[in-house]
Amino acid sequence: MNKKIIILLFVCFTCLLLISTVNATDKSNNNLTSQSNSYQVTNELSNDDIQVIFDNANDGDTIQFTSKEYRNISIVVDKKLNVISSAHSKVYASDSVTSKAQELGIDKTFGFYFTRNSVGSVLSGITITSNFNDYGVIVDSSDNTTVKNNVITGGNKAGVLIKDSKYVTVSFNSISKSTGDGLQLKDVGFSTIRNNTISYNQRSGIETSNIDNNTIVYNDIHHNVLNGITLQNKSYGNTIKHNNAYENLNGIFINSTSTYDVINANSFTSNRKNPSIKETGGVYETGNGLLFGSGFITKKENTPGRLEVKYNVLAHNEMYQAKNNPELPVFKLGDNWFDSTDDSNTFVCPMLLAGIMKLGTVSVKNGIGLQMYDTKGEAVKEFGTFDTKVNIDGNQYSAKFVNGKATIDANLDPDKEYDIEVMVGGEPVKYKYKAASGEKDDNQDSTSSDSTDGIMGADGSSSQTSTDSVTGGTAKGNGNQQNGTSNSAHFSSNKNSGVYGTNASGTRQDSSDNGQDVQTDGDLNAGDASEGEVSQEGKAYEVVPPSKISKEVTDTSGLVVLSIVSLMGCLIYGYRRKSDLD
C-alpha cells in the first residue's frame, strides 16, 4: 500500500478517536448531573405519601419541606438524603409506629429516624415537636450524619438520640422540653456536639453512655431538671470544653470509667439544690457545679489516661462548687476558679484537692485589663466565661472574662493612678491601677494589689515588686517572684504545685484512685434498624415541582469536534496539494 495513503488513514483514525472520546465524556457528564434531584413536599401530602418520596429518592437527593406546618409526621430516612426546609417548617411528630418502621423492626415513635443506610445524610432547618412520642430525632448506626439548625421540642425519652454511630455532627440546634433527656449519646464515637442550646428538659441536658473521642463544646445547657451533662458507663478520650451549664441541679455529673477525658474551660455556675429529687438509692445529690458519682473511676495520679479537670469556672452553686462521692478516694482537680480569694471558703468538698486560681490586673491603653493566673503564676489563655463587676473611682462597669481575660474600655488617663474595686465572691477587692500609655494592644502587668485577700497583683516594670497577699497568691512580673503564705484551713499536696483549698480544716491523706475498670452496657432506648425491603405500596405522590440539582455546565463539546474536523480538513488539503505538486 502507498505510504502516503497509510499516513492519511492514520490521521483520519486519530481524529475519529478524539471525536468519540469527546462524545463519551459528554455522556458521562450528562449522567453525573442527572443523579441529584430535589423534591418539594407540601402539607397536602399524607405521611405515607411523603414516605414514598423518601423511599423512591436516590442517594444524594434533597427533600424540601416547603409548607409552614405538617401534622402526624414519622419518616424513616433509609438512604443518604438532605432533608431541609428554608420555610422554617413546623413538623408535629406522630405518636404511632408506622408500617415503614415496623418493616425495619423499629418499635419507637419519632419524627425522623436515620438508619444505617442513611450514612452522610443532613437534617436542617426544621422545627420538630414531639409532645406525644418517644423521640424527635433518632440517628441509629448512621455515620457522618449531620443534625443542624433545627428546633426540637418534646420527646418522652429524649429530644434527640444518637446511638451506635460515628462522625455525627449535632450543631446549632435548640433542644428543649423533653420529659426525658435533651440529647442522648449511646455508643457514639468521633462525633461533634457544638453550639447547641439544651434547656428545660425533665432529666439531663446531655446524657452519655459508652462514648469515645467525641467533642462537646460551646453548648448552652440550662434549666434542666437533673444535670447539665451526665457521663455514664464508659467515657474515653472525650473533650468537653467551653460549655456553659447553669440553673441545673448539677453542672456536670461524672459517673463513668473515665480515661483520657478532658473537662476544661467550662462554666458550671448557679446550679441549684432540690432535696425532693430522688433517684434509685435515695436522695439525689443536687446543687453542685461538678459532682462525682459512686461509679466514677479513672487512672491513678500521674498516670497517662487520668481525667483532667482544669481552668473551669465553678461558682455560685448552692451546695459545693465541686463534690466527690464519699465512697471514693480523695481526687485532685487541676487549677480552677471558685470566685474566692479565701482558700478556706471555696466550697470544695473535703474529699477533693483543688488548685485555686487567682485573678490579677494587666494594663491596657485607656482602660483596665483583668487576667486569670494558675497556681504557678502563669497567665491562662483557655478558660471558662464569667462576669464580674468593677468599680473605678465610683463608676461601675461589667467585665466579661473570655479565655482568661477581661477588658474594660473606661477612657482612663495614663498619667493618673486609679482606685479600683473588683467584686470577687460578693466582696470588693481593692487595687491601685494605672492604665498603659502605649498602644492599646501593648498590655503589661499592672501595679500590685493593696489587698490582703489573695488576689494576684504584679508590676511589669519593677524589679522588686511582689504580692502583698497572705492567702496563697503568687506574684507575677519581670522581677523577683514570691509566694504568699496562707494561714487558712487548707492543705497542700505539694509545696511547689500551688495552693489546694478545701472547705474543711485538718489534714487528709491524698490517696490515689483505685484505677479499677468496669463496664456497664447502657440501656438503648430505641429499636435497632434492620435491613428490609423498601415498600413500593401506597398512593402516587406529587412532586411539586421536580427540579434537578446540578451545577451549571458549559457545553464545549461541539466546539472541540468542530476544531478536530477543521484540523482533518487542513491535513487532507495539505496532503492533496503536496501530491499535485509532486
Protein backbone atom coordinates (compact mmCIF):
# COMPACT_ATOMS: atom_id res chain seq x y z
CA MET A 1 0.00 0.00 0.00
CA ASN A 2 1.18 3.51 -0.82
CA LYS A 3 2.95 5.10 2.16
CA LYS A 4 1.05 8.36 1.70
CA ILE A 5 -2.29 6.54 1.88
CA ILE A 6 -1.24 4.82 5.13
CA ILE A 7 -0.34 8.18 6.70
CA LEU A 8 -3.68 9.64 5.60
CA LEU A 9 -5.63 6.74 7.09
CA PHE A 10 -3.71 7.06 10.36
CA VAL A 11 -4.57 10.75 10.62
CA CYS A 12 -8.27 10.05 9.95
CA PHE A 13 -8.35 7.26 12.58
CA THR A 14 -6.75 9.52 15.19
CA CYS A 15 -9.30 12.26 14.60
CA LEU A 16 -12.22 9.84 14.79
CA LEU A 17 -10.85 8.50 18.09
CA LEU A 18 -10.68 12.03 19.51
CA ILE A 19 -14.28 12.71 18.47
CA SER A 20 -15.54 9.52 20.14
CA THR A 21 -13.66 10.43 23.35
CA VAL A 22 -15.33 13.84 23.48
CA ASN A 23 -18.77 12.27 22.98
CA ALA A 24 -18.14 9.73 25.76
CA THR A 25 -17.06 12.49 28.12
CA ASP A 26 -20.17 14.47 27.28
CA LYS A 27 -22.39 11.47 28.03
CA SER A 28 -20.58 10.89 31.32
CA ASN A 29 -21.18 14.49 32.38
CA ASN A 30 -24.85 14.23 31.48
CA ASN A 31 -25.21 11.14 33.66
CA LEU A 32 -23.45 12.86 36.57
CA THR A 33 -25.64 15.97 36.57
CA SER A 34 -28.88 13.99 36.44
CA GLN A 35 -28.20 11.97 39.58
CA SER A 36 -29.00 14.63 42.17
CA ASN A 37 -32.64 15.73 42.34
CA SER A 38 -34.65 17.98 44.59
CA TYR A 39 -38.18 17.11 45.69
CA GLN A 40 -40.54 19.55 47.37
CA VAL A 41 -43.21 18.16 49.67
CA THR A 42 -46.25 20.12 50.84
CA ASN A 43 -48.63 19.56 53.73
CA GLU A 44 -51.28 18.37 51.27
CA LEU A 45 -49.48 15.05 51.25
CA SER A 46 -50.08 12.41 53.91
CA ASN A 47 -47.21 10.91 55.92
CA ASP A 48 -47.41 7.77 53.74
CA ASP A 49 -47.14 9.91 50.59
CA ILE A 50 -44.08 11.67 51.96
CA GLN A 51 -42.51 8.36 52.99
CA VAL A 52 -42.89 7.10 49.40
CA ILE A 53 -41.00 10.16 48.15
CA PHE A 54 -38.18 9.36 50.58
CA ASP A 55 -38.17 5.70 49.54
CA ASN A 56 -38.08 6.45 45.80
CA ALA A 57 -35.42 9.16 46.00
CA ASN A 58 -31.81 8.40 45.11
CA ASP A 59 -28.75 8.75 47.32
CA GLY A 60 -27.72 12.41 47.43
CA ASP A 61 -31.18 13.79 46.62
CA THR A 62 -32.72 16.68 48.55
CA ILE A 63 -36.17 16.59 50.16
CA GLN A 64 -37.50 20.10 50.86
CA PHE A 65 -40.35 20.75 53.28
CA THR A 66 -41.97 23.88 51.83
CA SER A 67 -45.19 24.34 53.84
CA LYS A 68 -45.41 26.06 57.20
CA GLU A 69 -46.90 23.16 59.16
CA TYR A 70 -47.14 19.37 58.94
CA ARG A 71 -49.13 17.01 61.18
CA ASN A 72 -48.65 13.36 62.18
CA ILE A 73 -45.22 13.01 60.63
CA SER A 74 -42.98 9.97 61.23
CA ILE A 75 -40.39 9.50 58.49
CA VAL A 76 -37.73 6.81 58.15
CA VAL A 77 -34.69 8.05 56.24
CA ASP A 78 -33.22 4.88 54.74
CA LYS A 79 -30.72 6.37 52.28
CA LYS A 80 -28.36 9.33 52.04
CA LEU A 81 -30.65 12.36 51.75
CA ASN A 82 -30.62 16.08 52.52
CA VAL A 83 -33.79 16.81 54.49
CA ILE A 84 -34.17 20.57 54.69
CA SER A 85 -36.58 23.48 54.97
CA SER A 86 -35.99 27.08 54.02
CA ALA A 87 -39.55 27.93 55.13
CA HIS A 88 -38.90 27.12 58.83
CA SER A 89 -41.42 24.31 58.56
CA LYS A 90 -43.03 23.02 61.77
CA VAL A 91 -43.38 19.25 61.89
CA TYR A 92 -45.58 17.66 64.56
CA ALA A 93 -44.42 14.09 65.08
CA SER A 94 -46.84 11.15 65.03
CA ASP A 95 -47.48 9.13 68.17
CA SER A 96 -47.87 5.83 66.28
CA VAL A 97 -45.42 3.34 64.78
CA THR A 98 -45.69 3.48 61.00
CA SER A 99 -45.75 0.46 58.68
CA LYS A 100 -42.35 1.51 57.35
CA ALA A 101 -40.89 1.47 60.86
CA GLN A 102 -42.47 -1.92 61.56
CA GLU A 103 -40.88 -3.35 58.40
CA LEU A 104 -37.47 -2.37 59.78
CA GLY A 105 -38.15 -3.70 63.27
CA ILE A 106 -38.42 -0.26 64.88
CA ASP A 107 -40.81 -0.11 67.83
CA LYS A 108 -40.28 3.51 68.91
CA THR A 109 -42.20 6.60 67.83
CA PHE A 110 -40.29 9.56 66.37
CA GLY A 111 -40.28 12.47 63.97
CA PHE A 112 -37.27 11.39 61.85
CA TYR A 113 -35.34 8.12 62.05
CA PHE A 114 -31.98 7.81 60.24
CA THR A 115 -31.00 4.17 59.59
CA ARG A 116 -27.66 2.55 58.79
CA ASN A 117 -28.40 3.12 55.09
CA SER A 118 -28.65 6.90 55.58
CA VAL A 119 -24.92 7.45 56.12
CA GLY A 120 -23.98 11.05 55.25
CA SER A 121 -27.50 12.48 55.50
CA VAL A 122 -28.38 16.01 56.65
CA LEU A 123 -31.38 17.26 58.67
CA SER A 124 -31.54 21.05 58.74
CA GLY A 125 -33.88 23.98 59.25
CA ILE A 126 -36.94 22.16 60.65
CA THR A 127 -38.90 22.68 63.87
CA ILE A 128 -39.85 19.24 65.23
CA THR A 129 -42.40 18.94 68.02
CA SER A 130 -42.69 15.56 69.75
CA ASN A 131 -45.21 16.03 72.53
CA PHE A 132 -46.73 12.53 72.38
CA ASN A 133 -43.98 10.29 71.06
CA ASP A 134 -40.63 8.87 72.19
CA TYR A 135 -38.07 10.97 70.28
CA GLY A 136 -37.89 13.94 67.98
CA VAL A 137 -34.88 12.59 66.04
CA ILE A 138 -33.09 9.23 66.13
CA VAL A 139 -29.76 8.62 64.40
CA ASP A 140 -29.17 4.86 64.56
CA SER A 141 -25.94 3.39 63.14
CA SER A 142 -25.77 6.26 60.64
CA ASP A 143 -22.22 7.58 60.40
CA ASN A 144 -21.35 11.07 59.11
CA THR A 145 -24.92 12.29 59.61
CA THR A 146 -25.50 15.97 60.40
CA VAL A 147 -28.32 17.42 62.52
CA LYS A 148 -28.05 21.21 62.46
CA ASN A 149 -30.07 24.41 62.75
CA ASN A 150 -33.22 22.67 63.99
CA VAL A 151 -35.61 23.42 66.84
CA ILE A 152 -36.52 20.16 68.58
CA THR A 153 -39.02 20.17 71.44
CA GLY A 154 -40.58 17.37 73.44
CA GLY A 155 -39.92 13.65 73.34
CA ASN A 156 -40.94 11.29 76.14
CA LYS A 157 -37.50 9.65 76.25
CA ALA A 158 -35.29 12.34 74.66
CA GLY A 159 -35.37 15.13 72.14
CA VAL A 160 -32.51 13.59 70.14
CA LEU A 161 -30.98 10.10 70.38
CA ILE A 162 -27.66 9.30 68.69
CA LYS A 163 -26.70 5.62 69.01
CA ASP A 164 -24.16 3.21 67.55
CA SER A 165 -22.81 5.92 65.25
CA LYS A 166 -19.57 7.72 64.43
CA TYR A 167 -18.64 11.10 62.98
CA VAL A 168 -22.07 12.58 63.66
CA THR A 169 -22.42 16.37 63.95
CA VAL A 170 -25.13 17.93 66.13
CA SER A 171 -24.77 21.70 65.94
CA PHE A 172 -26.69 24.95 66.30
CA ASN A 173 -29.89 23.24 67.45
CA SER A 174 -32.34 24.18 70.18
CA ILE A 175 -33.31 21.04 72.11
CA SER A 176 -35.84 21.55 74.88
CA LYS A 177 -38.85 20.41 76.90
CA SER A 178 -38.32 16.67 76.68
CA THR A 179 -39.80 14.66 79.52
CA GLY A 180 -36.54 12.71 79.40
CA ASP A 181 -33.06 13.91 78.41
CA GLY A 182 -32.41 16.62 75.87
CA LEU A 183 -29.70 14.76 73.94
CA GLN A 184 -28.69 11.13 74.48
CA LEU A 185 -25.40 9.74 73.17
CA LYS A 186 -25.13 5.96 73.39
CA ASP A 187 -22.17 4.06 71.96
CA VAL A 188 -21.10 7.11 69.96
CA GLY A 189 -17.58 7.91 68.77
CA PHE A 190 -15.64 10.67 66.99
CA SER A 191 -18.68 12.96 66.89
CA THR A 192 -19.14 16.68 67.49
CA ILE A 193 -21.79 18.30 69.71
CA ARG A 194 -21.33 22.02 69.22
CA ASN A 195 -23.14 25.35 69.74
CA ASN A 196 -26.46 23.87 70.83
CA THR A 197 -28.88 25.31 73.37
CA ILE A 198 -30.24 22.46 75.51
CA SER A 199 -32.74 23.56 78.15
CA TYR A 200 -35.87 22.83 80.19
CA ASN A 201 -35.66 19.05 79.85
CA GLN A 202 -37.01 16.86 82.66
CA ARG A 203 -33.78 14.91 83.05
CA SER A 204 -30.26 15.83 81.90
CA GLY A 205 -29.39 18.22 79.12
CA ILE A 206 -26.84 15.77 77.67
CA GLU A 207 -26.63 12.17 78.88
CA THR A 208 -23.95 9.83 77.58
CA SER A 209 -23.25 6.12 77.83
CA ASN A 210 -20.13 4.45 76.42
CA ILE A 211 -18.75 7.30 74.33
CA ASP A 212 -15.26 7.78 72.93
CA ASN A 213 -13.30 10.55 71.23
CA ASN A 214 -16.20 12.98 71.00
CA THR A 215 -16.04 16.78 71.16
CA ILE A 216 -18.70 18.52 73.26
CA VAL A 217 -18.04 22.26 73.04
CA TYR A 218 -19.69 25.69 73.19
CA ASN A 219 -23.10 24.44 74.28
CA ASP A 220 -25.51 26.42 76.49
CA ILE A 221 -27.10 23.92 78.89
CA HIS A 222 -29.53 25.35 81.42
CA HIS A 223 -32.70 24.82 83.45
CA ASN A 224 -32.70 21.04 83.13
CA VAL A 225 -34.31 19.13 86.00
CA LEU A 226 -31.28 16.90 86.62
CA ASN A 227 -27.74 17.55 85.36
CA GLY A 228 -26.38 19.75 82.65
CA ILE A 229 -24.10 16.92 81.43
CA THR A 230 -24.14 13.32 82.67
CA LEU A 231 -21.37 10.81 81.87
CA GLN A 232 -22.33 7.17 82.49
CA ASN A 233 -20.67 3.78 81.98
CA LYS A 234 -17.51 4.35 79.89
CA SER A 235 -16.08 7.59 78.56
CA TYR A 236 -12.78 7.58 76.69
CA GLY A 237 -10.84 10.39 75.04
CA ASN A 238 -13.67 12.92 75.06
CA THR A 239 -13.11 16.68 75.05
CA ILE A 240 -15.66 18.74 77.00
CA LYS A 241 -14.78 22.44 76.73
CA HIS A 242 -16.32 25.92 76.70
CA ASN A 243 -19.77 24.74 77.74
CA ASN A 244 -21.95 26.94 79.93
CA ALA A 245 -24.07 24.82 82.29
CA TYR A 246 -26.22 26.75 84.76
CA GLU A 247 -29.53 26.50 86.62
CA ASN A 248 -29.49 22.70 86.51
CA LEU A 249 -29.38 20.51 89.62
CA ASN A 250 -25.70 19.81 88.93
CA GLY A 251 -23.49 21.32 86.26
CA ILE A 252 -21.78 18.05 85.32
CA PHE A 253 -22.21 14.61 86.88
CA ILE A 254 -19.34 12.18 86.22
CA ASN A 255 -20.33 8.60 86.94
CA SER A 256 -18.21 6.83 84.34
CA THR A 257 -14.95 4.99 83.94
CA SER A 258 -13.11 8.00 82.55
CA THR A 259 -9.92 7.54 80.54
CA TYR A 260 -8.16 10.37 78.67
CA ASP A 261 -11.19 12.64 79.11
CA VAL A 262 -10.58 16.40 79.28
CA ILE A 263 -13.05 18.72 81.05
CA ASN A 264 -11.52 22.17 80.65
CA ALA A 265 -12.60 25.81 80.26
CA ASN A 266 -16.28 25.25 81.09
CA SER A 267 -18.55 27.35 83.29
CA PHE A 268 -20.56 25.32 85.82
CA THR A 269 -22.37 28.02 87.75
CA SER A 270 -25.58 28.75 89.67
CA ASN A 271 -26.74 25.16 89.81
CA ARG A 272 -29.43 24.68 92.44
CA LYS A 273 -30.30 22.14 95.10
CA ASN A 274 -33.60 20.32 95.30
CA PRO A 275 -33.82 17.71 98.08
CA SER A 276 -37.14 16.46 96.74
CA ILE A 277 -35.46 14.97 93.67
CA LYS A 278 -34.97 11.27 94.29
CA GLU A 279 -33.16 8.67 92.24
CA THR A 280 -32.59 4.97 92.85
CA GLY A 281 -30.86 4.59 96.19
CA GLY A 282 -32.18 7.67 97.94
CA VAL A 283 -31.85 11.43 97.75
CA TYR A 284 -30.05 12.68 94.67
CA GLU A 285 -27.09 14.99 95.27
CA THR A 286 -28.03 18.41 93.95
CA GLY A 287 -26.75 21.98 93.82
CA ASN A 288 -23.15 21.22 92.75
CA GLY A 289 -21.07 22.59 89.93
CA LEU A 290 -19.21 19.31 89.47
CA LEU A 291 -20.26 16.04 91.11
CA PHE A 292 -18.56 12.65 91.04
CA GLY A 293 -20.82 9.61 91.35
CA SER A 294 -20.03 6.33 93.03
CA GLY A 295 -19.33 4.79 89.61
CA PHE A 296 -16.52 7.23 88.79
CA ILE A 297 -13.16 5.56 88.14
CA THR A 298 -10.07 6.95 86.47
CA LYS A 299 -6.37 6.19 86.25
CA LYS A 300 -4.07 6.70 89.21
CA GLU A 301 -2.49 10.09 89.76
CA ASN A 302 0.47 10.85 87.46
CA THR A 303 -0.61 8.03 85.17
CA PRO A 304 -1.46 8.54 81.47
CA GLY A 305 -5.19 8.50 80.86
CA ARG A 306 -6.20 10.17 84.13
CA LEU A 307 -9.22 12.50 83.91
CA GLU A 308 -8.18 16.16 83.53
CA VAL A 309 -10.35 18.88 85.08
CA LYS A 310 -8.90 22.40 84.97
CA TYR A 311 -9.45 26.06 84.09
CA ASN A 312 -13.19 25.76 84.71
CA VAL A 313 -15.37 28.34 86.43
CA LEU A 314 -17.08 26.68 89.40
CA ALA A 315 -19.00 29.39 91.21
CA HIS A 316 -22.31 30.40 92.79
CA ASN A 317 -23.59 26.82 93.08
CA GLU A 318 -25.94 26.32 96.04
CA MET A 319 -24.08 23.40 97.59
CA TYR A 320 -20.49 22.64 96.62
CA GLN A 321 -18.60 24.09 93.71
CA ALA A 322 -17.11 20.61 93.32
CA LYS A 323 -18.06 17.50 95.27
CA ASN A 324 -16.68 13.98 95.45
CA ASN A 325 -18.61 10.86 96.37
CA PRO A 326 -17.82 9.78 99.96
CA GLU A 327 -17.26 6.20 98.77
CA LEU A 328 -14.36 7.28 96.55
CA PRO A 329 -10.73 8.15 97.38
CA VAL A 330 -9.65 11.80 97.50
CA PHE A 331 -9.28 13.17 93.97
CA LYS A 332 -7.03 16.04 92.91
CA LEU A 333 -8.51 18.51 90.45
CA GLY A 334 -6.40 20.84 88.35
CA ASP A 335 -6.47 24.62 88.74
CA ASN A 336 -9.98 26.09 88.66
CA TRP A 337 -11.67 29.38 89.59
CA PHE A 338 -14.05 29.29 92.55
CA ASP A 339 -14.81 33.02 92.76
CA SER A 340 -13.00 33.25 96.06
CA THR A 341 -9.83 34.80 97.38
CA ASP A 342 -10.05 32.78 100.58
CA ASP A 343 -8.79 29.25 100.16
CA SER A 344 -10.92 28.07 103.09
CA ASN A 345 -14.07 29.50 101.52
CA THR A 346 -14.04 27.87 98.11
CA PHE A 347 -16.83 25.41 98.94
CA VAL A 348 -14.91 22.45 97.59
CA CYS A 349 -15.72 19.27 99.48
CA PRO A 350 -13.04 17.77 101.79
CA MET A 351 -12.72 14.74 99.50
CA LEU A 352 -11.23 16.88 96.74
CA LEU A 353 -7.99 18.79 96.35
CA ALA A 354 -8.40 21.85 94.17
CA GLY A 355 -5.89 24.25 92.65
CA ILE A 356 -7.13 27.74 93.49
CA MET A 357 -6.67 30.13 90.57
CA LYS A 358 -6.02 33.81 91.16
CA LEU A 359 -7.11 37.00 89.46
CA GLY A 360 -4.86 39.92 88.65
CA THR A 361 -4.70 43.05 86.51
CA VAL A 362 -2.86 43.97 83.33
CA SER A 363 -2.62 47.49 81.99
CA VAL A 364 -4.30 48.35 78.71
CA LYS A 365 -4.46 51.72 76.99
CA ASN A 366 -7.30 53.90 78.34
CA GLY A 367 -8.83 51.00 80.21
CA ILE A 368 -8.49 48.11 82.62
CA GLY A 369 -7.44 44.56 81.89
CA LEU A 370 -8.13 41.64 84.22
CA GLN A 371 -6.25 38.36 83.85
CA MET A 372 -6.63 34.88 85.35
CA TYR A 373 -3.49 33.10 86.60
CA ASP A 374 -2.90 29.48 87.52
CA THR A 375 -1.21 28.39 90.73
CA LYS A 376 2.21 28.67 89.07
CA GLY A 377 1.59 32.34 88.26
CA GLU A 378 1.16 31.72 84.54
CA ALA A 379 -1.50 33.62 82.60
CA VAL A 380 -4.29 31.31 81.48
CA LYS A 381 -5.36 31.61 77.85
CA GLU A 382 -8.09 28.98 77.65
CA PHE A 383 -10.67 29.42 80.35
CA GLY A 384 -14.39 29.38 81.13
CA THR A 385 -16.51 32.52 80.85
CA PHE A 386 -17.97 34.56 83.70
CA ASP A 387 -18.92 38.15 84.53
CA THR A 388 -17.85 40.36 87.40
CA LYS A 389 -18.35 43.98 88.45
CA VAL A 390 -15.55 46.54 88.56
CA ASN A 391 -15.77 49.91 90.32
CA ILE A 392 -13.44 52.67 89.05
CA ASP A 393 -13.48 55.83 91.18
CA GLY A 394 -17.19 55.34 91.91
CA ASN A 395 -18.21 54.33 88.38
CA GLN A 396 -19.33 50.71 87.98
CA TYR A 397 -18.55 48.56 84.95
CA SER A 398 -19.29 44.97 83.98
CA ALA A 399 -16.35 42.82 82.91
CA LYS A 400 -16.78 39.58 80.96
CA PHE A 401 -13.95 37.06 81.07
CA VAL A 402 -13.30 35.27 77.80
CA ASN A 403 -10.37 32.85 77.62
CA GLY A 404 -8.92 34.12 80.86
CA LYS A 405 -9.04 37.85 80.20
CA ALA A 406 -11.50 40.74 80.53
CA THR A 407 -11.02 44.28 79.22
CA ILE A 408 -12.93 47.41 80.19
CA ASP A 409 -12.67 50.48 77.93
CA ALA A 410 -13.05 53.23 80.54
CA ASN A 411 -11.14 56.07 78.83
CA LEU A 412 -8.62 56.31 81.65
CA ASP A 413 -5.81 58.86 81.84
CA PRO A 414 -2.45 57.02 81.63
CA ASP A 415 -0.85 59.66 83.85
CA LYS A 416 -3.28 59.10 86.69
CA GLU A 417 -3.46 56.32 89.28
CA TYR A 418 -6.96 54.97 89.95
CA ASP A 419 -8.60 53.22 92.87
CA ILE A 420 -10.47 50.21 91.53
CA GLU A 421 -12.52 47.50 93.19
CA VAL A 422 -13.13 44.10 91.65
CA MET A 423 -16.05 42.07 93.01
CA VAL A 424 -14.93 38.57 93.96
CA GLY A 425 -17.25 36.28 95.90
CA GLY A 426 -19.59 39.20 96.57
CA GLU A 427 -16.83 41.25 98.21
CA PRO A 428 -14.84 44.15 96.71
CA VAL A 429 -11.08 43.69 96.36
CA LYS A 430 -9.16 46.96 96.05
CA TYR A 431 -6.36 47.81 93.61
CA LYS A 432 -4.21 50.78 92.74
CA TYR A 433 -4.28 50.82 88.95
CA LYS A 434 -2.59 52.77 86.18
CA ALA A 435 -3.52 52.43 82.52
CA ALA A 436 -0.89 51.70 79.88
CA SER A 437 0.49 54.65 77.95
CA GLY A 438 1.45 52.70 74.80
CA GLU A 439 -0.69 51.23 72.07
CA LYS A 440 -3.88 49.52 73.14
CA ASP A 441 -2.55 46.06 72.41
CA ASP A 442 0.70 46.65 74.28
CA ASN A 443 -0.53 45.25 77.57
CA GLN A 444 1.63 44.93 80.63
CA ASP A 445 1.15 43.81 84.21
CA SER A 446 -0.42 46.48 86.36
CA THR A 447 0.60 47.66 89.79
CA SER A 448 0.19 45.25 92.64
CA SER A 449 -2.91 44.97 94.77
CA ASP A 450 -3.15 46.61 98.16
CA SER A 451 -5.46 43.80 99.22
CA THR A 452 -4.60 41.05 101.65
CA ASP A 453 -7.34 38.86 100.21
CA GLY A 454 -5.20 36.79 97.93
CA ILE A 455 -5.89 38.24 94.51
CA MET A 456 -2.78 38.31 92.40
CA GLY A 457 -1.16 41.64 91.69
CA ALA A 458 2.08 42.40 89.89
CA ASP A 459 4.15 45.16 88.37
CA GLY A 460 5.60 44.58 84.94
CA SER A 461 8.29 47.23 85.29
CA SER A 462 9.52 46.97 88.85
CA SER A 463 12.34 44.59 89.61
CA GLN A 464 11.37 44.12 93.25
CA THR A 465 7.57 44.02 93.29
CA SER A 466 5.84 41.08 94.93
CA THR A 467 2.32 40.33 96.06
CA ASP A 468 1.07 41.58 99.40
CA SER A 469 -1.30 38.64 99.74
CA VAL A 470 -1.20 36.42 102.79
CA THR A 471 -3.60 33.79 101.44
CA GLY A 472 -1.62 31.99 98.83
CA GLY A 473 -1.42 34.39 95.88
CA THR A 474 1.52 34.08 93.51
CA ALA A 475 3.31 37.17 92.23
CA LYS A 476 3.99 37.54 88.53
CA GLY A 477 6.28 40.05 86.88
CA ASN A 478 9.69 40.66 85.45
CA GLY A 479 11.25 40.97 88.85
CA ASN A 480 11.59 38.64 91.80
CA GLN A 481 8.68 36.35 92.47
CA GLN A 482 7.48 35.46 95.90
CA ASN A 483 4.76 33.10 97.02
CA GLY A 484 2.41 34.27 99.71
CA THR A 485 1.89 32.13 102.75
CA SER A 486 -1.54 31.00 103.81
CA ASN A 487 -2.86 30.72 107.34
CA SER A 488 -6.28 29.47 106.25
CA ALA A 489 -7.64 25.99 106.77
CA HIS A 490 -6.42 24.44 103.55
CA PHE A 491 -3.89 21.78 102.85
CA SER A 492 -1.43 21.36 100.03
CA SER A 493 -0.39 18.13 98.41
CA ASN A 494 2.85 19.57 97.11
CA LYS A 495 4.76 22.64 98.22
CA ASN A 496 5.65 23.51 94.64
CA SER A 497 2.35 22.73 92.96
CA GLY A 498 0.29 25.68 94.16
CA VAL A 499 -2.47 26.01 96.69
CA TYR A 500 -5.11 23.32 97.11
CA GLY A 501 -8.04 24.53 99.16
CA THR A 502 -10.95 22.72 100.72
CA ASN A 503 -13.93 23.69 102.74
CA ALA A 504 -12.72 21.92 105.86
CA SER A 505 -9.76 22.14 108.14
CA GLY A 506 -7.46 19.34 109.16
CA THR A 507 -5.19 17.02 107.31
CA ARG A 508 -6.32 14.31 104.94
CA GLN A 509 -4.16 11.86 103.08
CA ASP A 510 -4.23 12.28 99.31
CA SER A 511 -4.96 8.66 98.48
CA SER A 512 -4.80 7.62 94.86
CA ASP A 513 -7.73 6.35 92.83
CA ASN A 514 -8.06 2.61 92.68
CA GLY A 515 -7.75 2.50 88.92
CA GLN A 516 -10.26 -0.30 88.56
CA ASP A 517 -12.14 -0.72 85.32
CA VAL A 518 -15.79 -1.51 84.93
CA GLN A 519 -18.20 -1.70 82.06
CA THR A 520 -21.94 -1.50 82.15
CA ASP A 521 -23.95 -1.81 79.00
CA GLY A 522 -26.21 1.18 78.52
CA ASP A 523 -29.93 0.71 78.05
CA LEU A 524 -30.58 1.55 74.44
CA ASN A 525 -33.89 3.29 74.23
CA ALA A 526 -34.64 2.69 70.59
CA GLY A 527 -35.03 -0.38 68.41
CA ASP A 528 -32.19 -1.39 66.13
CA ALA A 529 -32.68 -0.62 62.49
CA SER A 530 -32.56 -3.72 60.33
CA GLU A 531 -32.19 -4.45 56.66
CA GLY A 532 -35.54 -4.56 54.92
CA GLU A 533 -37.29 -4.19 51.60
CA VAL A 534 -38.30 -0.66 50.69
CA SER A 535 -42.06 -0.57 50.41
CA GLN A 536 -43.40 0.35 46.98
CA GLU A 537 -47.03 0.43 48.08
CA GLY A 538 -49.10 3.48 48.76
CA LYS A 539 -50.71 6.24 46.75
CA ALA A 540 -48.94 8.02 43.95
CA TYR A 541 -47.11 11.01 45.23
CA GLU A 542 -46.94 14.54 43.95
CA VAL A 543 -43.64 16.22 43.22
CA VAL A 544 -44.09 19.98 43.49
CA PRO A 545 -42.24 20.68 41.24
CA PRO A 546 -39.34 18.36 40.41
CA SER A 547 -36.08 20.13 39.70
CA LYS A 548 -32.59 18.86 39.14
CA ILE A 549 -29.78 19.96 41.40
CA SER A 550 -26.66 20.33 39.35
CA LYS A 551 -24.01 22.88 38.77
CA GLU A 552 -24.25 24.83 35.53
CA VAL A 553 -22.08 23.10 32.96
CA THR A 554 -20.84 24.95 29.87
CA ASP A 555 -21.13 22.60 26.85
CA THR A 556 -17.95 22.94 24.79
CA SER A 557 -18.03 19.52 23.11
CA GLY A 558 -19.36 20.91 19.79
CA LEU A 559 -16.54 23.41 19.61
CA VAL A 560 -14.00 20.69 20.23
CA VAL A 561 -15.45 18.44 17.49
CA LEU A 562 -15.52 21.37 15.05
CA SER A 563 -11.87 22.07 15.78
CA ILE A 564 -10.92 18.44 15.15
CA VAL A 565 -12.86 18.31 11.83
CA SER A 566 -11.16 21.55 10.74
CA LEU A 567 -7.80 20.05 11.59
CA MET A 568 -8.63 16.95 9.48
CA GLY A 569 -9.63 19.13 6.55
CA CYS A 570 -6.39 21.06 6.72
CA LEU A 571 -4.33 17.88 6.81
CA ILE A 572 -6.18 16.32 3.84
CA TYR A 573 -5.98 19.54 1.83
CA GLY A 574 -2.29 19.85 2.54
CA TYR A 575 -1.69 16.23 1.54
CA ARG A 576 -3.54 16.57 -1.81
CA ARG A 577 -1.76 19.81 -2.65
CA LYS A 578 1.54 18.20 -1.94
CA SER A 579 0.57 15.28 -4.24
CA ASP A 580 -0.36 17.70 -7.06
CA LEU A 581 2.96 19.48 -6.75
CA ASP A 582 4.79 16.17 -6.93
